[in-house]
């Protein structure tokens, strides 16, 4: 198989991974992409780790059946719960996952106080604990799970009253502690960066990890001789309701694109 002609596989619990897809498109507009949004199971944050691993395995198998040459786990929760599991399960597949950007935040903070917004599963995972242990020495982290924010973004509500309330409840106590940096530990959250910046003001830096993830995908493709020089097609696939996802695509990316719908047979199997 000529891997320069096969797509990049990207998946998320829902629409959040579109923030990563957006950056991949900016960096590599000639690459084909297959995007899988698991709207049938969104949100992943409150779910048990084992179930998230099952979902991630099923989606990976599906993306590989679509000839994906690399799989981007564009979901912090799935990365925290399942990235190591996937690498063990599929040793011949290259994966790129999400890691909370604690390292650049720790390097750039002047006050030594950093806010982190992420889901419960991300905060509870070994990946986040490892990042904190390695890079957050001498830095005080303030965490918030922003309960309900993923659902608001999935509905395309990027600046409504409820979205603003959730973010204000999360960020105002952090601002009272003198944070100067906010880390976005969920791929949904970059879509509300304008609202976050409005709340925290110009003196607080907001770190979106998506551009760094796109750069890593590019490095791996180039190192493996897998870069495409044509195409640029995107397929959007959902385990939810295609019409609703089309509306979200239009809101989040400005894309007026068709969406394919698939269904789960069980936690690890997607109907062909």
Protein backbone atom coordinates (compact mmCIF):
# COMPACT_ATOMS: atom_id res chain seq x y z
CA UNK A 1 0.00 0.00 0.00
CA UNK A 2 1.30 3.47 -0.89
CA UNK A 3 1.00 5.33 2.41
CA UNK A 4 1.39 8.71 0.75
CA UNK A 5 -2.08 8.15 -0.70
CA UNK A 6 -3.81 7.04 2.50
CA UNK A 7 -5.49 9.31 5.07
CA UNK A 8 -4.62 10.51 8.54
CA UNK A 9 -7.06 9.02 11.05
CA UNK A 10 -8.30 11.37 13.79
CA UNK A 11 -10.79 10.61 16.55
CA UNK A 12 -12.41 12.20 19.56
CA UNK A 13 -15.35 11.60 21.85
CA UNK A 14 -17.20 14.18 19.78
CA UNK A 15 -16.39 17.47 18.08
CA UNK A 16 -13.45 18.51 20.26
CA UNK A 17 -10.86 16.85 18.02
CA UNK A 18 -11.90 19.24 15.27
CA UNK A 19 -9.62 21.77 16.98
CA UNK A 20 -6.72 19.41 16.20
CA UNK A 21 -8.01 18.67 12.69
CA UNK A 22 -8.10 22.43 12.08
CA UNK A 23 -4.41 22.76 12.94
CA UNK A 24 -3.46 19.71 10.84
CA UNK A 25 -5.25 21.32 7.90
CA UNK A 26 -3.34 24.59 8.39
CA UNK A 27 -0.02 22.75 8.45
CA UNK A 28 -0.77 20.04 5.86
CA UNK A 29 -3.65 21.11 3.59
CA UNK A 30 -2.78 18.41 1.06
CA UNK A 31 -3.37 15.49 3.44
CA UNK A 32 -6.55 13.41 3.33
CA UNK A 33 -8.18 12.98 6.76
CA UNK A 34 -10.77 10.60 8.15
CA UNK A 35 -12.33 12.11 11.29
CA UNK A 36 -14.38 9.96 13.68
CA UNK A 37 -16.50 11.73 16.29
CA UNK A 38 -18.00 9.35 18.85
CA UNK A 39 -21.08 11.48 19.51
CA UNK A 40 -22.93 8.29 20.42
CA UNK A 41 -20.86 8.16 23.62
CA UNK A 42 -19.95 11.79 24.32
CA UNK A 43 -18.76 12.88 26.87
CA UNK A 44 -15.96 10.45 27.75
CA UNK A 45 -14.89 12.41 30.85
CA UNK A 46 -17.12 10.71 33.47
CA UNK A 47 -16.78 7.18 31.99
CA UNK A 48 -14.65 4.33 33.45
CA UNK A 49 -11.17 3.92 32.00
CA UNK A 50 -11.86 0.40 30.75
CA UNK A 51 -14.86 1.54 28.75
CA UNK A 52 -12.89 4.39 27.16
CA UNK A 53 -10.21 1.87 26.20
CA UNK A 54 -12.85 -0.31 24.55
CA UNK A 55 -14.27 2.62 22.59
CA UNK A 56 -10.78 3.73 21.54
CA UNK A 57 -9.88 0.22 20.38
CA UNK A 58 -13.06 -0.06 18.32
CA UNK A 59 -12.53 3.33 16.69
CA UNK A 60 -8.88 2.53 15.95
CA UNK A 61 -9.88 -0.72 14.25
CA UNK A 62 -12.42 1.20 12.19
CA UNK A 63 -9.91 3.88 11.15
CA UNK A 64 -7.37 1.20 10.19
CA UNK A 65 -10.08 -0.47 8.09
CA UNK A 66 -10.28 2.89 6.26
CA UNK A 67 -6.50 2.63 5.59
CA UNK A 68 -5.43 5.28 8.09
CA UNK A 69 -1.63 5.58 7.99
CA UNK A 70 -1.40 7.17 11.44
CA UNK A 71 -3.97 7.59 14.22
CA UNK A 72 -4.34 10.87 16.11
CA UNK A 73 -6.09 10.44 19.45
CA UNK A 74 -7.42 14.01 19.42
CA UNK A 75 -9.04 13.64 22.83
CA UNK A 76 -7.31 14.29 26.15
CA UNK A 77 -9.57 11.87 28.00
CA UNK A 78 -8.96 9.03 25.53
CA UNK A 79 -5.23 9.79 25.52
CA UNK A 80 -5.11 9.64 29.31
CA UNK A 81 -7.13 6.43 29.49
CA UNK A 82 -6.13 4.54 26.37
CA UNK A 83 -3.01 5.79 24.57
CA UNK A 84 -0.62 3.27 26.16
CA UNK A 85 -3.28 0.56 25.76
CA UNK A 86 -3.61 1.35 22.04
CA UNK A 87 0.13 1.33 21.46
CA UNK A 88 0.36 -2.09 23.11
CA UNK A 89 -2.66 -3.39 21.19
CA UNK A 90 -1.55 -2.07 17.79
CA UNK A 91 2.27 -2.17 17.82
CA UNK A 92 2.53 -1.58 14.06
CA UNK A 93 0.49 1.63 14.15
CA UNK A 94 1.85 5.06 14.99
CA UNK A 95 -0.27 7.07 17.42
CA UNK A 96 -0.15 10.73 18.35
CA UNK A 97 -2.01 11.63 21.53
CA UNK A 98 -2.82 14.68 23.62
CA UNK A 99 -0.74 15.66 26.64
CA UNK A 100 -1.79 18.55 28.90
CA UNK A 101 0.58 21.44 28.11
CA UNK A 102 1.90 21.73 31.66
CA UNK A 103 5.54 21.88 30.51
CA UNK A 104 5.27 25.06 28.39
CA UNK A 105 3.02 26.61 31.03
CA UNK A 106 5.58 25.90 33.77
CA UNK A 107 8.35 27.34 31.60
CA UNK A 108 6.49 30.56 30.80
CA UNK A 109 4.63 31.43 34.01
CA UNK A 110 5.91 34.46 35.90
CA UNK A 111 3.70 34.11 38.97
CA UNK A 112 4.30 30.36 39.36
CA UNK A 113 0.55 29.80 39.35
CA UNK A 114 -1.18 27.99 36.45
CA UNK A 115 -4.80 27.04 35.83
CA UNK A 116 -5.63 23.74 34.12
CA UNK A 117 -9.03 23.04 32.56
CA UNK A 118 -9.66 19.36 31.77
CA UNK A 119 -12.09 16.48 32.26
CA UNK A 120 -12.17 14.29 35.41
CA UNK A 121 -10.68 11.30 33.55
CA UNK A 122 -7.75 13.41 32.34
CA UNK A 123 -6.96 14.64 35.84
CA UNK A 124 -7.21 11.11 37.26
CA UNK A 125 -5.03 9.49 34.57
CA UNK A 126 -1.41 8.42 34.91
CA UNK A 127 -0.44 10.59 31.92
CA UNK A 128 -1.42 13.82 33.67
CA UNK A 129 0.24 12.71 36.91
CA UNK A 130 3.44 11.96 35.01
CA UNK A 131 3.44 15.34 33.27
CA UNK A 132 2.90 17.15 36.57
CA UNK A 133 5.66 15.16 38.29
CA UNK A 134 8.15 15.81 35.49
CA UNK A 135 7.48 19.44 34.67
CA UNK A 136 5.49 21.24 37.36
CA UNK A 137 8.14 21.45 40.09
CA UNK A 138 7.85 24.78 41.84
CA UNK A 139 4.60 25.62 40.03
CA UNK A 140 1.22 25.69 41.75
CA UNK A 141 -1.56 24.17 39.62
CA UNK A 142 -5.25 24.99 40.02
CA UNK A 143 -7.58 22.48 38.38
CA UNK A 144 -11.19 22.60 37.26
CA UNK A 145 -13.27 20.09 35.31
CA UNK A 146 -15.67 22.67 33.80
CA UNK A 147 -18.65 20.35 34.23
CA UNK A 148 -21.06 20.66 31.32
CA UNK A 149 -18.72 22.64 29.03
CA UNK A 150 -18.15 19.78 26.58
CA UNK A 151 -21.91 19.39 26.12
CA UNK A 152 -22.33 23.13 25.48
CA UNK A 153 -19.62 23.07 22.82
CA UNK A 154 -21.13 19.95 21.24
CA UNK A 155 -24.33 21.98 20.85
CA UNK A 156 -22.40 24.82 19.21
CA UNK A 157 -23.03 27.11 22.18
CA UNK A 158 -19.67 28.88 22.24
CA UNK A 159 -20.60 32.16 23.92
CA UNK A 160 -24.03 31.73 25.52
CA UNK A 161 -24.96 32.43 29.12
CA UNK A 162 -24.48 28.85 30.34
CA UNK A 163 -21.08 28.50 28.66
CA UNK A 164 -19.97 31.79 30.18
CA UNK A 165 -21.24 30.78 33.63
CA UNK A 166 -19.29 27.49 33.53
CA UNK A 167 -16.09 29.25 32.54
CA UNK A 168 -16.49 32.09 35.02
CA UNK A 169 -17.09 29.59 37.84
CA UNK A 170 -13.88 27.81 36.85
CA UNK A 171 -11.66 30.80 36.13
CA UNK A 172 -12.58 33.48 38.69
CA UNK A 173 -11.24 31.48 41.68
CA UNK A 174 -8.03 30.84 39.70
CA UNK A 175 -7.68 34.54 38.90
CA UNK A 176 -8.09 35.27 42.62
CA UNK A 177 -5.03 33.02 43.15
CA UNK A 178 -2.99 35.14 40.67
CA UNK A 179 -2.66 32.67 37.79
CA UNK A 180 -1.01 34.07 34.66
CA UNK A 181 -1.44 31.00 32.43
CA UNK A 182 -4.36 28.73 31.53
CA UNK A 183 -3.76 25.27 30.06
CA UNK A 184 -6.53 23.77 27.93
CA UNK A 185 -6.55 20.05 28.74
CA UNK A 186 -9.53 19.11 26.56
CA UNK A 187 -9.67 19.40 22.77
CA UNK A 188 -13.18 20.88 22.96
CA UNK A 189 -11.99 23.90 24.90
CA UNK A 190 -10.02 25.77 22.16
CA UNK A 191 -13.35 26.58 20.55
CA UNK A 192 -14.15 28.86 23.48
CA UNK A 193 -10.74 30.58 23.64
CA UNK A 194 -12.29 33.97 22.73
CA UNK A 195 -14.63 33.71 25.72
CA UNK A 196 -11.84 32.48 28.00
CA UNK A 197 -9.64 35.42 26.94
CA UNK A 198 -12.52 37.81 27.57
CA UNK A 199 -12.84 36.46 31.14
CA UNK A 200 -9.14 36.26 32.06
CA UNK A 201 -7.94 39.42 30.32
CA UNK A 202 -4.84 40.23 28.29
CA UNK A 203 -2.30 39.46 31.02
CA UNK A 204 -3.18 35.75 31.21
CA UNK A 205 -1.74 33.43 28.56
CA UNK A 206 -4.01 30.67 27.19
CA UNK A 207 -2.18 27.56 25.90
CA UNK A 208 -3.81 25.43 23.20
CA UNK A 209 -1.84 22.19 22.57
CA UNK A 210 -3.39 21.52 19.14
CA UNK A 211 -0.69 23.27 17.04
CA UNK A 212 2.06 21.23 18.74
CA UNK A 213 0.13 18.02 18.06
CA UNK A 214 -0.20 18.93 14.38
CA UNK A 215 3.55 19.56 14.20
CA UNK A 216 4.23 16.13 15.71
CA UNK A 217 1.96 14.46 13.14
CA UNK A 218 3.87 16.24 10.38
CA UNK A 219 7.24 15.15 11.80
CA UNK A 220 6.20 11.50 12.00
CA UNK A 221 4.75 11.48 8.48
CA UNK A 222 7.88 13.06 7.03
CA UNK A 223 10.18 10.73 8.97
CA UNK A 224 8.26 7.74 7.66
CA UNK A 225 8.08 8.98 4.07
CA UNK A 226 4.28 9.11 4.32
CA UNK A 227 3.55 12.76 3.45
CA UNK A 228 0.91 13.27 0.80
CA UNK A 229 1.38 15.70 -2.07
CA UNK A 230 -2.21 15.94 -3.21
CA UNK A 231 -5.79 15.41 -2.15
CA UNK A 232 -6.82 17.28 0.96
CA UNK A 233 -10.16 15.51 1.24
CA UNK A 234 -11.88 15.13 4.64
CA UNK A 235 -14.42 12.48 5.59
CA UNK A 236 -16.47 13.13 8.71
CA UNK A 237 -17.91 10.07 10.45
CA UNK A 238 -20.08 10.04 13.56
CA UNK A 239 -21.64 7.42 15.79
CA UNK A 240 -24.33 9.97 16.55
CA UNK A 241 -26.90 11.81 14.46
CA UNK A 242 -25.36 13.01 11.20
CA UNK A 243 -27.59 16.06 10.80
CA UNK A 244 -26.70 17.44 14.23
CA UNK A 245 -23.00 16.93 13.58
CA UNK A 246 -23.28 18.78 10.27
CA UNK A 247 -24.64 21.78 12.14
CA UNK A 248 -21.77 21.64 14.65
CA UNK A 249 -19.24 21.42 11.80
CA UNK A 250 -20.68 24.56 10.31
CA UNK A 251 -20.52 26.37 13.66
CA UNK A 252 -17.04 25.24 14.72
CA UNK A 253 -15.17 25.08 11.41
CA UNK A 254 -17.36 26.85 8.90
CA UNK A 255 -17.52 23.60 6.89
CA UNK A 256 -20.65 22.71 4.95
CA UNK A 257 -19.77 19.03 4.60
CA UNK A 258 -21.58 15.75 4.48
CA UNK A 259 -21.31 13.49 7.52
CA UNK A 260 -21.43 9.69 7.46
CA UNK A 261 -23.15 7.87 10.31
CA UNK A 262 -22.13 4.48 11.74
CA UNK A 263 -23.42 2.52 14.73
CA UNK A 264 -21.83 0.56 17.54
CA UNK A 265 -22.65 -3.14 17.82
CA UNK A 266 -21.00 -3.27 21.26
CA UNK A 267 -18.33 -1.27 23.09
CA UNK A 268 -15.55 -2.55 20.81
CA UNK A 269 -17.25 -3.13 17.47
CA UNK A 270 -18.52 -0.63 14.90
CA UNK A 271 -20.87 -1.91 12.20
CA UNK A 272 -19.17 -2.10 8.82
